[in-house]
Protein backbone atom coordinates (compact mmCIF):
# COMPACT_ATOMS: atom_id res chain seq x y z
CA PRO A 1 147.89 138.96 192.80
CA ARG A 2 145.35 139.52 190.02
CA SER A 3 142.16 137.58 190.52
CA PRO A 4 140.78 135.26 187.79
CA ARG A 5 138.49 136.59 185.09
CA SER A 6 135.84 134.80 183.06
CA LEU A 7 134.12 135.21 179.72
CA VAL A 8 130.41 134.75 179.85
CA LEU A 9 130.77 134.80 176.17
CA VAL A 10 132.36 137.10 177.88
CA LEU A 11 134.80 138.39 180.24
CA GLY A 12 134.28 138.40 183.98
CA LEU A 13 135.66 138.17 187.48
CA LEU A 14 134.75 135.03 189.39
CA PHE A 15 133.91 135.19 193.06
CA GLY A 16 132.91 131.96 194.80
CA PHE A 17 132.70 130.17 198.08
CA ALA A 18 134.88 127.56 199.59
CA CYS A 19 132.63 124.81 200.85
CA SER A 20 133.60 123.13 204.07
CA SER A 21 131.86 121.32 206.82
CA THR A 22 130.86 123.62 209.70
CA PRO A 23 128.97 123.15 212.98
CA GLU A 24 125.23 123.40 212.64
CA ASP A 25 124.99 126.72 214.45
CA GLU A 26 127.59 128.33 212.16
CA THR A 27 125.73 126.99 209.14
CA LEU A 28 122.49 128.59 210.29
CA VAL A 29 124.23 131.90 210.90
CA ARG A 30 125.71 131.78 207.41
CA LEU A 31 122.36 130.87 205.83
CA ARG A 32 120.60 133.75 207.59
CA SER A 33 123.31 136.15 206.54
CA GLU A 34 123.28 135.02 202.92
CA PHE A 35 119.48 135.12 202.78
CA SER A 36 119.41 138.78 203.83
CA ASP A 37 122.50 139.66 201.78
CA PRO A 38 122.81 137.06 198.99
CA PRO A 39 126.28 136.28 197.62
CA ALA A 40 127.19 137.28 194.08
CA SER A 41 126.53 133.74 192.83
CA ALA A 42 122.88 134.03 193.87
CA ARG A 43 122.24 137.53 192.48
CA PRO A 44 120.94 138.37 188.99
CA ASP A 45 123.02 139.80 186.17
CA ALA A 46 122.03 142.20 183.43
CA PHE A 47 123.01 143.32 179.95
CA TRP A 48 124.82 146.67 180.03
CA THR A 49 124.31 148.19 176.59
CA TRP A 50 126.99 150.36 175.06
CA LEU A 51 124.76 151.96 172.43
CA ASN A 52 126.65 152.60 169.19
CA GLY A 53 129.80 151.64 171.10
CA SER A 54 129.76 155.12 172.60
CA VAL A 55 130.42 155.47 176.35
CA ASN A 56 131.32 158.21 178.85
CA ARG A 57 133.55 157.07 181.69
CA GLU A 58 131.96 159.27 184.32
CA ARG A 59 128.57 157.92 183.29
CA MET A 60 129.96 154.37 183.28
CA THR A 61 130.93 154.71 186.93
CA THR A 62 127.51 156.14 187.82
CA GLU A 63 125.69 153.27 186.09
CA MET A 64 127.90 150.59 187.61
CA GLU A 65 127.41 151.97 191.11
CA ALA A 66 123.65 152.15 190.54
CA MET A 67 123.54 148.52 189.36
CA ARG A 68 125.55 147.43 192.39
CA ALA A 69 123.10 149.29 194.63
CA ALA A 70 120.23 147.51 192.85
CA GLY A 71 121.74 144.13 193.72
CA PHE A 72 123.16 142.99 190.39
CA SER A 73 126.26 140.81 190.59
CA ARG A 74 127.38 140.80 186.94
CA LEU A 75 127.14 143.34 184.14
CA GLN A 76 127.45 142.01 180.60
CA VAL A 77 128.73 144.65 178.21
CA TRP A 78 126.77 144.59 174.96
CA ASP A 79 128.05 146.73 172.11
CA VAL A 80 124.98 147.29 169.93
CA ARG A 81 123.46 149.81 167.57
CA ALA A 82 121.02 152.43 168.87
CA HIS A 83 118.34 150.94 166.64
CA GLN A 84 115.60 153.50 167.28
CA ASP A 85 117.42 156.83 167.30
CA PRO A 86 115.91 158.83 164.40
CA GLU A 87 117.50 162.11 165.57
CA ASN A 88 120.95 160.55 165.98
CA VAL A 89 121.20 161.50 169.62
CA VAL A 90 123.72 158.73 170.34
CA PRO A 91 127.09 159.36 168.64
CA ALA A 92 129.07 156.58 166.97
CA GLY A 93 131.80 155.20 169.19
CA PRO A 94 134.94 153.22 168.35
CA ALA A 95 134.78 149.88 166.57
CA PHE A 96 134.21 146.78 168.68
CA LEU A 97 137.52 145.38 170.02
CA SER A 98 139.52 148.30 168.56
CA ASP A 99 142.26 149.78 170.75
CA ALA A 100 140.04 152.72 171.74
CA TRP A 101 137.13 150.41 172.54
CA LEU A 102 139.35 148.15 174.64
CA GLU A 103 140.58 151.15 176.64
CA ASN A 104 136.98 151.76 177.69
CA LEU A 105 136.56 148.10 178.57
CA ALA A 106 139.74 148.16 180.65
CA PHE A 107 138.32 151.13 182.58
CA ALA A 108 135.06 149.26 183.16
CA GLU A 109 136.98 146.19 184.33
CA GLY A 110 138.87 148.30 186.85
CA GLU A 111 135.62 149.74 188.14
CA ALA A 112 134.12 146.25 188.40
CA ARG A 113 137.04 145.23 190.60
CA ARG A 114 136.60 148.29 192.77
CA LEU A 115 132.88 147.62 193.19
CA GLY A 116 133.23 143.87 193.67
CA ARG A 117 131.16 143.06 190.59
CA GLU A 118 131.68 140.57 187.76
CA LEU A 119 132.07 141.97 184.27
CA GLY A 120 130.92 140.07 181.20
CA LEU A 121 131.13 140.76 177.50
CA VAL A 122 128.88 139.72 174.63
CA ALA A 123 131.60 138.56 172.26
CA SER A 124 130.40 140.39 169.16
CA SER A 125 128.82 143.69 168.25
CA GLY A 126 125.06 143.30 167.91
CA TRP A 127 124.53 139.56 167.84
CA ASN A 128 125.76 136.37 166.22
CA ALA A 129 129.49 135.69 166.09
CA GLY A 130 131.36 137.74 163.52
CA GLY A 131 133.15 141.00 162.83
CA ASP A 132 135.16 143.02 160.35
CA TRP A 133 138.10 140.64 160.79
CA VAL A 134 136.14 137.63 159.44
CA LYS A 135 137.39 136.77 155.94
CA PRO A 136 134.99 135.65 153.19
CA GLU A 137 136.42 132.12 153.24
CA ASP A 138 135.54 131.89 156.95
CA ALA A 139 132.05 133.37 156.60
CA LEU A 140 128.74 131.54 156.85
CA GLN A 141 127.92 129.18 153.97
CA GLY A 142 124.51 128.12 152.69
CA LEU A 143 123.10 125.55 150.24
CA TYR A 144 121.58 127.06 147.08
CA LEU A 145 120.18 125.60 143.87
CA SER A 146 118.98 126.48 140.41
CA GLN A 147 116.62 124.33 138.36
CA GLN A 148 115.36 124.05 134.83
CA THR A 149 113.27 121.53 132.88
CA LEU A 150 114.59 119.60 129.88
CA THR A 151 112.60 117.34 127.55
CA GLY A 152 114.01 114.29 125.80
CA PRO A 153 115.09 112.48 123.92
CA ALA A 154 117.47 115.29 122.94
CA ASP A 155 121.10 116.38 123.16
CA PHE A 156 121.60 119.29 125.54
CA ALA A 157 124.74 121.42 125.52
CA GLY A 158 124.55 124.65 127.44
CA ARG A 159 125.32 126.48 130.64
CA LEU A 160 123.03 125.93 133.58
CA SER A 161 121.69 129.01 135.31
CA PHE A 162 123.82 129.84 138.32
CA PRO A 163 121.95 129.38 141.62
CA ALA A 164 120.64 132.61 143.10
CA VAL A 165 122.47 133.68 146.26
CA PRO A 166 121.63 136.55 148.63
CA GLU A 167 122.20 140.00 147.14
CA HIS A 168 124.59 141.00 149.91
CA ALA A 169 126.87 137.96 149.45
CA PRO A 170 130.44 139.10 148.55
CA ARG A 171 131.07 138.64 144.84
CA GLY A 172 134.01 138.49 142.46
CA ASP A 173 134.45 140.35 139.17
CA ASN A 174 132.36 137.70 137.37
CA GLY A 175 129.36 138.40 139.61
CA ARG A 176 129.52 135.02 141.31
CA PRO A 177 130.18 134.57 145.04
CA LEU A 178 133.79 134.92 146.11
CA VAL A 179 133.61 131.49 147.73
CA TRP A 180 131.48 128.69 146.31
CA GLU A 181 131.67 125.07 145.17
CA THR A 182 129.40 122.59 143.43
CA VAL A 183 127.71 120.10 145.74
CA ALA A 184 125.76 118.14 143.11
CA VAL A 185 124.17 118.39 139.66
CA GLN A 186 121.15 116.12 139.31
CA ALA A 187 118.24 115.32 137.03
CA TYR A 188 114.89 114.00 138.25
CA GLU A 189 112.29 112.52 135.93
CA LEU A 190 108.94 114.27 136.25
CA LYS A 191 105.87 112.04 136.34
CA THR A 192 102.22 113.00 136.24
CA GLY A 193 100.41 113.06 139.54
CA ASP A 194 101.61 113.71 143.06
CA SER A 195 103.59 110.52 143.65
CA PRO A 196 106.08 110.22 146.55
CA PHE A 197 109.63 111.31 145.86
CA GLU A 198 111.79 108.40 144.71
CA PRO A 199 115.57 108.84 145.04
CA THR A 200 116.10 106.00 142.54
CA ARG A 201 114.80 108.38 139.85
CA VAL A 202 117.62 110.86 140.56
CA VAL A 203 120.36 110.85 137.90
CA ASP A 204 123.78 112.19 138.92
CA LEU A 205 125.06 114.50 136.17
CA GLY A 206 128.38 115.30 137.82
CA GLU A 207 130.45 113.73 135.02
CA HIS A 208 128.52 115.70 132.39
CA VAL A 209 129.09 119.20 133.77
CA ASP A 210 132.26 121.28 134.12
CA GLY A 211 133.27 123.70 136.86
CA ASP A 212 131.44 126.63 135.23
CA GLY A 213 128.10 124.81 134.99
CA ASN A 214 128.31 123.84 131.30
CA LEU A 215 126.21 120.68 130.85
CA ASN A 216 126.58 118.19 128.00
CA TRP A 217 124.00 115.45 128.36
CA ARG A 218 121.95 113.11 126.22
CA VAL A 219 118.50 113.75 127.73
CA PRO A 220 116.49 110.49 127.95
CA GLN A 221 112.84 110.19 126.96
CA GLY A 222 110.54 112.24 129.18
CA ARG A 223 110.60 115.50 131.15
CA TRP A 224 113.50 116.09 133.51
CA ARG A 225 114.09 118.65 136.24
CA VAL A 226 117.79 119.53 136.37
CA ARG A 227 119.07 121.00 139.62
CA TRP A 228 122.47 122.51 140.34
CA PHE A 229 123.31 122.60 144.06
CA ILE A 230 126.15 124.78 145.33
CA SER A 231 127.58 125.76 148.68
CA ALA A 232 128.23 129.50 148.77
CA HIS A 233 128.41 132.61 150.87
CA THR A 234 125.19 133.60 152.56
CA GLY A 235 126.60 137.10 152.89
CA GLN A 236 124.98 137.20 156.33
CA ARG A 237 126.40 140.04 158.37
CA LEU A 238 126.10 140.92 162.02
CA ILE A 239 122.65 142.03 163.16
CA VAL A 240 122.40 145.58 164.60
CA PRO A 241 126.13 146.09 165.21
CA SER A 242 127.37 149.49 166.34
CA PRO A 243 128.02 151.86 163.38
CA ASN A 244 131.77 151.14 163.10
CA SER A 245 131.59 147.40 163.85
CA ALA A 246 129.81 145.76 160.90
CA GLY A 247 131.20 142.51 159.52
CA LEU A 248 130.48 139.01 158.27
CA GLN A 249 129.19 136.22 160.49
CA ILE A 250 131.39 133.16 160.85
CA ASP A 251 130.47 129.69 159.61
CA PHE A 252 128.94 128.08 162.72
CA PHE A 253 129.28 124.61 161.18
CA ASP A 254 133.08 124.86 160.84
CA ALA A 255 134.92 123.98 164.05
CA GLU A 256 138.10 125.79 162.97
CA ASP A 257 136.14 128.98 162.22
CA SER A 258 134.73 128.88 165.74
CA ARG A 259 138.17 128.28 167.25
CA ARG A 260 139.71 131.15 165.29
CA TYR A 261 136.88 133.44 166.29
CA PHE A 262 137.02 132.81 170.03
CA HIS A 263 140.82 132.91 170.07
CA HIS A 264 140.73 136.26 168.24
CA VAL A 265 138.31 137.73 170.78
CA CYS A 266 140.35 136.43 173.72
CA ASP A 267 143.63 137.64 172.21
CA ARG A 268 142.22 141.14 171.74
CA LEU A 269 140.93 141.20 175.31
CA GLU A 270 144.26 140.04 176.70
CA SER A 271 146.06 142.73 174.71
CA ALA A 272 144.27 145.30 176.87
CA LEU A 273 143.61 143.44 180.13
CA GLY A 274 146.46 141.00 180.46
CA PRO A 275 145.88 137.27 181.01
CA LEU A 276 142.17 136.53 181.39
CA ALA A 277 142.98 133.86 183.98
CA ASP A 278 145.88 133.73 186.36
CA SER A 279 146.69 130.34 186.09
CA ALA A 280 136.41 119.20 158.62
CA LEU A 281 134.72 116.73 157.38
CA ARG A 282 132.31 117.95 154.63
CA TYR A 283 128.65 118.06 155.64
CA LEU A 284 127.52 115.34 153.24
CA GLU A 285 130.32 113.03 154.34
CA VAL A 286 129.36 113.54 157.97
CA PHE A 287 125.74 112.79 157.06
CA ARG A 288 126.69 109.46 155.46
CA THR A 289 128.87 108.53 158.44
CA ARG A 290 126.20 109.25 161.03
CA TYR A 291 123.07 108.05 159.26
CA GLY A 292 124.44 105.30 157.04
CA TYR A 293 123.09 106.50 153.71
CA ASP A 294 123.87 109.07 151.03
CA ALA A 295 122.01 112.40 151.30
CA ARG A 296 122.69 113.43 147.69
CA PRO A 297 119.74 111.64 146.05
CA TRP A 298 117.42 113.37 148.54
CA LEU A 299 118.68 116.93 148.15
CA ALA A 300 115.74 117.90 145.92
CA LEU A 301 113.49 117.73 149.00
CA LEU A 302 115.31 120.78 150.35
CA ALA A 303 113.54 122.86 147.69
CA PRO A 304 110.12 123.19 149.35
CA GLU A 305 108.86 125.59 146.69
CA ASP A 306 108.80 122.68 144.24
CA ALA A 307 105.19 121.61 144.82
CA GLY A 308 105.62 118.56 142.60
CA LEU A 309 107.61 116.70 145.24
CA ALA A 310 105.82 114.74 147.95
CA PRO A 311 108.44 113.47 150.45
CA GLY A 312 106.78 110.19 151.41
CA GLU A 313 107.79 108.27 154.52
CA ALA A 314 111.44 107.80 153.53
CA GLY A 315 111.69 111.44 152.48
CA GLU A 316 110.34 112.59 155.84
CA ARG A 317 113.05 110.52 157.50
CA PHE A 318 115.70 112.28 155.39
CA LEU A 319 114.33 115.71 156.30
CA HIS A 320 114.38 114.75 159.99
CA ASP A 321 117.96 113.45 159.73
CA TRP A 322 119.10 116.54 157.85
CA THR A 323 117.56 118.89 160.41
CA ARG A 324 119.01 116.86 163.27
CA LEU A 325 122.50 117.02 161.78
CA VAL A 326 122.28 120.79 161.25
CA SER A 327 121.51 121.17 164.95
CA ASP A 328 124.13 118.67 166.11
CA LEU A 329 126.93 120.23 164.07
CA MET A 330 126.14 123.75 165.26
CA ILE A 331 126.23 122.53 168.86
CA GLU A 332 129.42 120.50 168.37
CA ARG A 333 131.33 122.89 166.15
CA HIS A 334 130.28 126.24 167.59
CA TYR A 335 128.83 126.13 171.11
CA ARG A 336 130.99 123.26 172.39
CA ILE A 337 134.13 124.50 170.64
CA GLY A 338 133.56 127.99 172.04
CA GLN A 339 133.21 126.63 175.57
CA ALA A 340 136.37 124.53 175.17
CA VAL A 341 138.42 127.46 173.86
CA LEU A 342 137.28 129.73 176.68
CA ALA A 343 137.80 127.02 179.31
CA GLU A 344 141.48 126.89 178.30
CA ARG A 345 141.71 130.48 179.56
CA GLY A 346 139.66 129.94 182.69
CA LEU A 347 136.52 131.44 181.15
CA PHE A 348 132.89 130.47 180.48
CA LEU A 349 130.75 130.66 177.36
CA SER A 350 127.25 131.95 178.00
CA ALA A 351 124.70 131.74 175.20
CA GLU A 352 121.00 131.99 174.53
CA ALA A 353 119.18 128.76 173.78
CA GLY A 354 120.10 128.72 170.10
CA GLY A 355 117.78 131.64 169.65
CA PRO A 356 115.91 133.67 168.88
CA GLY A 357 113.86 130.94 167.25
CA PRO A 358 110.30 130.76 165.92
CA PRO A 359 108.24 132.84 165.59
CA ILE A 360 110.94 135.53 165.51
CA TRP A 361 113.43 133.61 163.37
CA ASN A 362 111.95 130.59 161.66
CA SER A 363 115.27 129.39 160.29
CA CYS A 364 116.93 128.98 163.69
CA PRO A 365 118.02 125.33 163.46
CA VAL A 366 119.36 124.48 166.90
CA ASP A 367 117.99 122.17 169.59
CA ALA A 368 117.75 124.70 172.42
CA LEU A 369 118.36 122.25 175.26
CA GLY A 370 121.30 120.69 173.45
CA ALA A 371 122.87 124.11 172.85
CA LEU A 372 122.44 125.12 176.48
CA GLY A 373 123.98 121.85 177.65
CA ALA A 374 127.17 122.63 175.71
CA VAL A 375 127.96 125.99 177.33
CA GLY A 376 129.26 126.99 180.72
CA LEU A 377 126.54 129.46 181.64
CA MET A 378 123.02 128.99 180.32
CA ARG A 379 120.76 131.85 179.24
CA GLY A 380 117.13 131.43 178.25
C-alpha cells in the first residue's frame, strides 16, 4: 500500500515511531542506536531550490543521494527565481504546478521513497501565497485614502481625488482598480496647535457622496480636511517567482481565499501524485465586534504622514487594537485555515514566523509566536 504523504506547506512522506513500553535494557539499546544513527524525526531538513523551476532528473537524483548521505531527513522543494544570474546561466523551467512541473515533482517523490526521505514543497513560487490562477477579486486588498482641505462656510460640489493605489495594481479601462469599494468619506475640522485627535470632530460624509466620489456638501465654518478611504487592490505579486510562475498574492485576511488557495495546490498535487494521504465578516464589522467600538472615526490616524494629528491616549489604544486585529485575522484566516485544509488530507502546514519582519520588511503585521502556534510544523 502507498504510505501517507504530508505537506509541510508542503508535500511529504511521514515516517514515525510506534511508542510502546519496553524493558529497560531494550530501551537503552534503542537509545544508543538512535543516538549514533538518529531517526528521521530527529534529523534536520533543508530547502531544495529549483532555480527558475528548471531541473535535470539525473542531477536531482545526485543531489538527493548527497543530501541523504549528509544526514538530512526532509527536502523541501522551493521553486524560485535565480535572482543573481546576470549571464542567464540557469534556463527558465516550466510554470509552478503546471503539468510539466508536476512530472518533475512526481519523479522527485519517487526518488524520495526510494531513498527513505521525506519530500516537502513550498506551496508557491518564490514566496507568499499566490500564483497565476489567483483572480483579481481574490487578490490582496489594502486601505488607501485621498485628502483635500476645504474652507467654509461654503457650498462644495465636486469630485474628490481618487486615492492613489500602487502602480502595479490591476486597473480597468477608467484607470481605477479593477476591484475597490468605499470604506468611508469623512471631514475633520482643523484647529491651530498640536491638540490630540478627537473622533467627535469627525463628520461622516457618506450621505453626501456618490459611488464615483462626487461630493455635495455645505461646508461649515472653519477649515476641514476631507478624506476618502477605499479598500482596493494592492497589486502585490509574488516575490522572486520563477520566470514562468508570476502571479498575484491572495488576500490573507479572507478565509475563503486561503481555503481556495490551499485546495487548489492540493488538487494540483493529487492530479500528479494521487491521494496525498491514504486514509466574511468585513474588517470594520469584526473590529466593532471584538473591541466594542467603531473604528471609522479613528481611521484618520492611519495616515501617519499627516503631521497635524497627535493620537493622544485614546488614539494610541485604537492603533494598538487595529494592529492587533490585523495580526489576529491573518493568523485565523490564513495560517490556521491553511493548517485545517491540509490536515483534512493528512498533511501539515509549515511556515516562517510571519516573516520576514523588521528590519527586512517593516510592514509585516503578524505576531510571530501566534502564527507559529497555528501551524503544524514551525519554522523560525
